[in-house]
Amino acid sequence: MPRTTDEQSDRRRVLVKLLTGNQIVRQSELVELLRREGFNATQSSISRDLRDLGVSKSKSGYQLPSPANQDQERELKLLAEYIRAIRAAGPNLIVIATAAGAAQRVALTLDRTQWPDIVGTLSGDDTIFIATAASAPQRRLLARLREAFGNQSR
């Protein structure tokens, strides 16, 4: 864990630079490159950084999010004020309670993210049902939603 948020921000800034200028396929490579830059990085800290930065992994290596993905993440943060609760319901269903009239807009934004853990969404006026393929994707998606919308677990 970084000692300060400044240290974390600096590390993430360098991480983005490294991913922009290099084809990197393993986290261990990133750990080594960051250590050469003077950061005390571990694989778990790199994993958190990659997740928080929205970095994806393809066959050719780690990829920074496209500007469209960053716009969607910003839109999700703006919609956070409409979220009332996020709960698991069974092994592959998530229920999001929203303010009246907000569910469709939130669901549409979630659909547009094309997150792989979302199989589909169904929205009403103030409730969204999100289907996942199994319990592991449900747990990942719950964590991602709570991060995007704030820790809404009421």
C-alpha atoms as a PDB file:
ATOM      1  CA  MET A   1       0.000   0.000   0.000  1.00  0.00           C
ATOM      2  CA  PRO A   2       1.298   3.448  -0.770  1.00  0.00           C
ATOM      3  CA  ARG A   3       2.086   5.697   2.152  1.00  0.00           C
ATOM      4  CA  THR A   4       0.241   8.611   0.638  1.00  0.00           C
ATOM      5  CA  THR A   5      -2.262   9.264  -2.087  1.00  0.00           C
ATOM      6  CA  ASP A   6       0.407  11.402  -3.771  1.00  0.00           C
ATOM      7  CA  GLU A   7       2.684   8.371  -3.976  1.00  0.00           C
ATOM      8  CA  GLN A   8      -0.177   6.303  -5.390  1.00  0.00           C
ATOM      9  CA  SER A   9      -1.021   9.016  -7.934  1.00  0.00           C
ATOM     10  CA  ASP A  10       2.631   9.282  -8.978  1.00  0.00           C
ATOM     11  CA  ARG A  11       2.882   5.500  -9.352  1.00  0.00           C
ATOM     12  CA  ARG A  12      -0.279   5.388 -11.430  1.00  0.00           C
ATOM     13  CA  ARG A  13       0.923   8.237 -13.627  1.00  0.00           C
ATOM     14  CA  VAL A  14       4.152   6.317 -14.331  1.00  0.00           C
ATOM     15  CA  LEU A  15       2.146   3.124 -14.856  1.00  0.00           C
ATOM     16  CA  VAL A  16       0.082   4.838 -17.562  1.00  0.00           C
ATOM     17  CA  LYS A  17       3.293   6.088 -19.188  1.00  0.00           C
ATOM     18  CA  LEU A  18       4.762   2.569 -19.133  1.00  0.00           C
ATOM     19  CA  LEU A  19       1.638   1.046 -20.637  1.00  0.00           C
ATOM     20  CA  THR A  20       1.532   3.730 -23.312  1.00  0.00           C
ATOM     21  CA  GLY A  21       5.128   3.190 -24.399  1.00  0.00           C
ATOM     22  CA  ASN A  22       5.527  -0.580 -23.984  1.00  0.00           C
ATOM     23  CA  GLN A  23       3.813  -3.848 -24.799  1.00  0.00           C
ATOM     24  CA  ILE A  24       3.502  -5.501 -21.391  1.00  0.00           C
ATOM     25  CA  VAL A  25       1.907  -8.903 -20.955  1.00  0.00           C
ATOM     26  CA  ARG A  26       2.587  -9.765 -17.286  1.00  0.00           C
ATOM     27  CA  GLN A  27       2.107  -7.907 -14.032  1.00  0.00           C
ATOM     28  CA  SER A  28       5.555  -9.037 -12.920  1.00  0.00           C
ATOM     29  CA  GLU A  29       6.991  -6.949 -15.789  1.00  0.00           C
ATOM     30  CA  LEU A  30       5.147  -3.908 -14.481  1.00  0.00           C
ATOM     31  CA  VAL A  31       6.402  -4.535 -10.945  1.00  0.00           C
ATOM     32  CA  GLU A  32       9.985  -4.651 -12.211  1.00  0.00           C
ATOM     33  CA  LEU A  33       9.612  -1.557 -14.421  1.00  0.00           C
ATOM     34  CA  LEU A  34       8.047   0.421 -11.574  1.00  0.00           C
ATOM     35  CA  ARG A  35      10.804  -0.643  -9.189  1.00  0.00           C
ATOM     36  CA  ARG A  36      13.344   0.663 -11.706  1.00  0.00           C
ATOM     37  CA  GLU A  37      11.432   3.968 -11.615  1.00  0.00           C
ATOM     38  CA  GLY A  38      11.825   4.061  -7.817  1.00  0.00           C
ATOM     39  CA  PHE A  39       8.431   2.742  -6.702  1.00  0.00           C
ATOM     40  CA  ASN A  40       8.025   0.005  -4.119  1.00  0.00           C
ATOM     41  CA  ALA A  41       5.383  -1.862  -6.121  1.00  0.00           C
ATOM     42  CA  THR A  42       3.927  -5.289  -5.438  1.00  0.00           C
ATOM     43  CA  GLN A  43       1.821  -7.446  -7.680  1.00  0.00           C
ATOM     44  CA  SER A  44      -1.242  -6.794  -5.505  1.00  0.00           C
ATOM     45  CA  SER A  45      -0.754  -3.016  -5.656  1.00  0.00           C
ATOM     46  CA  ILE A  46      -0.308  -3.214  -9.431  1.00  0.00           C
ATOM     47  CA  SER A  47      -3.437  -5.326  -9.711  1.00  0.00           C
ATOM     48  CA  ARG A  48      -5.428  -2.670  -7.798  1.00  0.00           C
ATOM     49  CA  ASP A  49      -3.920   0.100  -9.908  1.00  0.00           C
ATOM     50  CA  LEU A  50      -4.792  -1.689 -13.153  1.00  0.00           C
ATOM     51  CA  ARG A  51      -8.361  -2.246 -11.956  1.00  0.00           C
ATOM     52  CA  ASP A  52      -8.797   1.334 -10.781  1.00  0.00           C
ATOM     53  CA  LEU A  53      -7.353   2.709 -14.018  1.00  0.00           C
ATOM     54  CA  GLY A  54      -9.738   0.545 -16.069  1.00  0.00           C
ATOM     55  CA  VAL A  55      -6.877  -1.292 -17.779  1.00  0.00           C
ATOM     56  CA  SER A  56      -7.858  -4.450 -19.628  1.00  0.00           C
ATOM     57  CA  LYS A  57      -5.723  -7.376 -20.709  1.00  0.00           C
ATOM     58  CA  SER A  58      -5.755  -8.792 -24.206  1.00  0.00           C
ATOM     59  CA  LYS A  59      -3.615 -11.381 -25.962  1.00  0.00           C
ATOM     60  CA  SER A  60      -1.187  -8.635 -26.928  1.00  0.00           C
ATOM     61  CA  GLY A  61      -0.886  -7.267 -23.379  1.00  0.00           C
ATOM     62  CA  TYR A  62      -2.359  -4.637 -21.110  1.00  0.00           C
ATOM     63  CA  GLN A  63      -4.453  -1.914 -22.746  1.00  0.00           C
ATOM     64  CA  LEU A  64      -5.426   1.463 -21.315  1.00  0.00           C
ATOM     65  CA  PRO A  65      -9.136   2.269 -21.545  1.00  0.00           C
ATOM     66  CA  SER A  66     -10.340   4.098 -24.605  1.00  0.00           C
ATOM     67  CA  PRO A  67     -11.625   7.650 -24.178  1.00  0.00           C
ATOM     68  CA  ALA A  68     -15.169   6.274 -24.692  1.00  0.00           C
ATOM     69  CA  ASN A  69     -14.719   3.971 -21.675  1.00  0.00           C
ATOM     70  CA  GLN A  70     -13.432   6.871 -19.595  1.00  0.00           C
ATOM     71  CA  ASP A  71     -16.513   8.902 -20.588  1.00  0.00           C
ATOM     72  CA  GLN A  72     -18.752   6.025 -19.467  1.00  0.00           C
ATOM     73  CA  GLU A  73     -16.951   5.798 -16.128  1.00  0.00           C
ATOM     74  CA  ARG A  74     -17.453   9.557 -15.632  1.00  0.00           C
ATOM     75  CA  GLU A  75     -21.133   9.207 -16.513  1.00  0.00           C
ATOM     76  CA  LEU A  76     -21.522   6.401 -13.968  1.00  0.00           C
ATOM     77  CA  LYS A  77     -20.010   8.647 -11.293  1.00  0.00           C
ATOM     78  CA  LEU A  78     -22.500  11.375 -12.222  1.00  0.00           C
ATOM     79  CA  LEU A  79     -25.371   8.891 -11.923  1.00  0.00           C
ATOM     80  CA  ALA A  80     -24.226   7.790  -8.449  1.00  0.00           C
ATOM     81  CA  GLU A  81     -26.517  10.356  -6.813  1.00  0.00           C
ATOM     82  CA  TYR A  82     -29.535   8.382  -8.085  1.00  0.00           C
ATOM     83  CA  ILE A  83     -28.412   5.058  -6.604  1.00  0.00           C
ATOM     84  CA  ARG A  84     -30.158   4.101  -3.379  1.00  0.00           C
ATOM     85  CA  ALA A  85     -28.934   0.497  -2.887  1.00  0.00           C
ATOM     86  CA  ILE A  86     -26.987  -2.272  -4.604  1.00  0.00           C
ATOM     87  CA  ARG A  87     -27.659  -5.839  -3.472  1.00  0.00           C
ATOM     88  CA  ALA A  88     -26.977  -9.406  -4.566  1.00  0.00           C
ATOM     89  CA  ALA A  89     -30.081 -11.515  -5.098  1.00  0.00           C
ATOM     90  CA  GLY A  90     -29.239 -15.174  -5.499  1.00  0.00           C
ATOM     91  CA  PRO A  91     -26.129 -16.502  -7.208  1.00  0.00           C
ATOM     92  CA  ASN A  92     -26.328 -14.514 -10.445  1.00  0.00           C
ATOM     93  CA  LEU A  93     -28.589 -11.521  -9.981  1.00  0.00           C
ATOM     94  CA  ILE A  94     -27.926  -8.000  -8.732  1.00  0.00           C
ATOM     95  CA  VAL A  95     -30.652  -5.534  -7.845  1.00  0.00           C
ATOM     96  CA  ILE A  96     -30.034  -1.798  -7.924  1.00  0.00           C
ATOM     97  CA  ALA A  97     -32.589   0.527  -6.338  1.00  0.00           C
ATOM     98  CA  THR A  98     -32.598   4.033  -7.801  1.00  0.00           C
ATOM     99  CA  ALA A  99     -34.453   7.266  -7.333  1.00  0.00           C
ATOM    100  CA  ALA A 100     -37.837   7.341  -9.055  1.00  0.00           C
ATOM    101  CA  GLY A 101     -37.475   7.623 -12.815  1.00  0.00           C
ATOM    102  CA  ALA A 102     -33.699   7.001 -12.882  1.00  0.00           C
ATOM    103  CA  ALA A 103     -33.498   3.245 -13.445  1.00  0.00           C
ATOM    104  CA  GLN A 104     -33.701   3.292 -17.238  1.00  0.00           C
ATOM    105  CA  ARG A 105     -30.941   5.881 -17.608  1.00  0.00           C
ATOM    106  CA  VAL A 106     -28.648   4.000 -15.223  1.00  0.00           C
ATOM    107  CA  ALA A 107     -29.390   0.653 -16.920  1.00  0.00           C
ATOM    108  CA  LEU A 108     -28.721   2.106 -20.374  1.00  0.00           C
ATOM    109  CA  THR A 109     -25.380   3.461 -19.191  1.00  0.00           C
ATOM    110  CA  LEU A 110     -24.496   0.065 -17.709  1.00  0.00           C
ATOM    111  CA  ASP A 111     -25.450  -1.642 -20.980  1.00  0.00           C
ATOM    112  CA  ARG A 112     -23.192   0.714 -22.906  1.00  0.00           C
ATOM    113  CA  THR A 113     -20.191  -0.108 -20.702  1.00  0.00           C
ATOM    114  CA  GLN A 114     -20.143  -3.588 -22.237  1.00  0.00           C
ATOM    115  CA  TRP A 115     -18.631  -4.965 -19.032  1.00  0.00           C
ATOM    116  CA  PRO A 116     -18.126  -8.688 -19.644  1.00  0.00           C
ATOM    117  CA  ASP A 117     -19.716  -9.720 -16.325  1.00  0.00           C
ATOM    118  CA  ILE A 118     -23.091  -8.228 -17.338  1.00  0.00           C
ATOM    119  CA  VAL A 119     -25.235 -10.734 -19.231  1.00  0.00           C
ATOM    120  CA  GLY A 120     -28.191  -8.353 -19.388  1.00  0.00           C
ATOM    121  CA  THR A 121     -30.189  -5.692 -17.593  1.00  0.00           C
ATOM    122  CA  LEU A 122     -33.884  -5.117 -17.039  1.00  0.00           C
ATOM    123  CA  SER A 123     -35.119  -1.833 -15.627  1.00  0.00           C
ATOM    124  CA  GLY A 124     -38.343  -0.402 -14.377  1.00  0.00           C
ATOM    125  CA  ASP A 125     -38.939   3.023 -12.902  1.00  0.00           C
ATOM    126  CA  ASP A 126     -36.749   2.722  -9.805  1.00  0.00           C
ATOM    127  CA  THR A 127     -35.263  -0.790  -9.946  1.00  0.00           C
ATOM    128  CA  ILE A 128     -32.685  -2.503 -12.149  1.00  0.00           C
ATOM    129  CA  PHE A 129     -32.076  -6.245 -12.362  1.00  0.00           C
ATOM    130  CA  ILE A 130     -28.664  -7.255 -13.670  1.00  0.00           C
ATOM    131  CA  ALA A 131     -28.023 -10.861 -14.681  1.00  0.00           C
ATOM    132  CA  THR A 132     -24.564 -12.407 -14.469  1.00  0.00           C
ATOM    133  CA  ALA A 133     -23.485 -15.839 -15.699  1.00  0.00           C
ATOM    134  CA  ALA A 134     -22.543 -17.184 -12.250  1.00  0.00           C
ATOM    135  CA  SER A 135     -21.599 -16.212  -8.699  1.00  0.00           C
ATOM    136  CA  ALA A 136     -17.949 -15.278  -9.424  1.00  0.00           C
ATOM    137  CA  PRO A 137     -18.907 -12.708 -12.087  1.00  0.00           C
ATOM    138  CA  GLN A 138     -21.636 -11.476  -9.730  1.00  0.00           C
ATOM    139  CA  ARG A 139     -19.076 -10.805  -6.971  1.00  0.00           C
ATOM    140  CA  ARG A 140     -16.738  -8.996  -9.382  1.00  0.00           C
ATOM    141  CA  LEU A 141     -19.599  -6.917 -10.740  1.00  0.00           C
ATOM    142  CA  LEU A 142     -20.889  -6.040  -7.260  1.00  0.00           C
ATOM    143  CA  ALA A 143     -17.442  -4.728  -6.345  1.00  0.00           C
ATOM    144  CA  ARG A 144     -17.193  -2.767  -9.591  1.00  0.00           C
ATOM    145  CA  LEU A 145     -20.667  -1.264  -9.191  1.00  0.00           C
ATOM    146  CA  ARG A 146     -20.011  -0.274  -5.585  1.00  0.00           C
ATOM    147  CA  GLU A 147     -16.780   1.353  -6.659  1.00  0.00           C
ATOM    148  CA  ALA A 148     -18.439   3.181  -9.550  1.00  0.00           C
ATOM    149  CA  PHE A 149     -21.459   4.319  -7.555  1.00  0.00           C
ATOM    150  CA  GLY A 150     -19.984   4.529  -4.070  1.00  0.00           C
ATOM    151  CA  ASN A 151     -20.376   1.788  -1.501  1.00  0.00           C
ATOM    152  CA  GLN A 152     -24.164   1.543  -1.679  1.00  0.00           C
ATOM    153  CA  SER A 153     -25.075  -1.660   0.145  1.00  0.00           C
ATOM    154  CA  ARG A 154     -28.144  -0.646   2.092  1.00  0.00           C
END
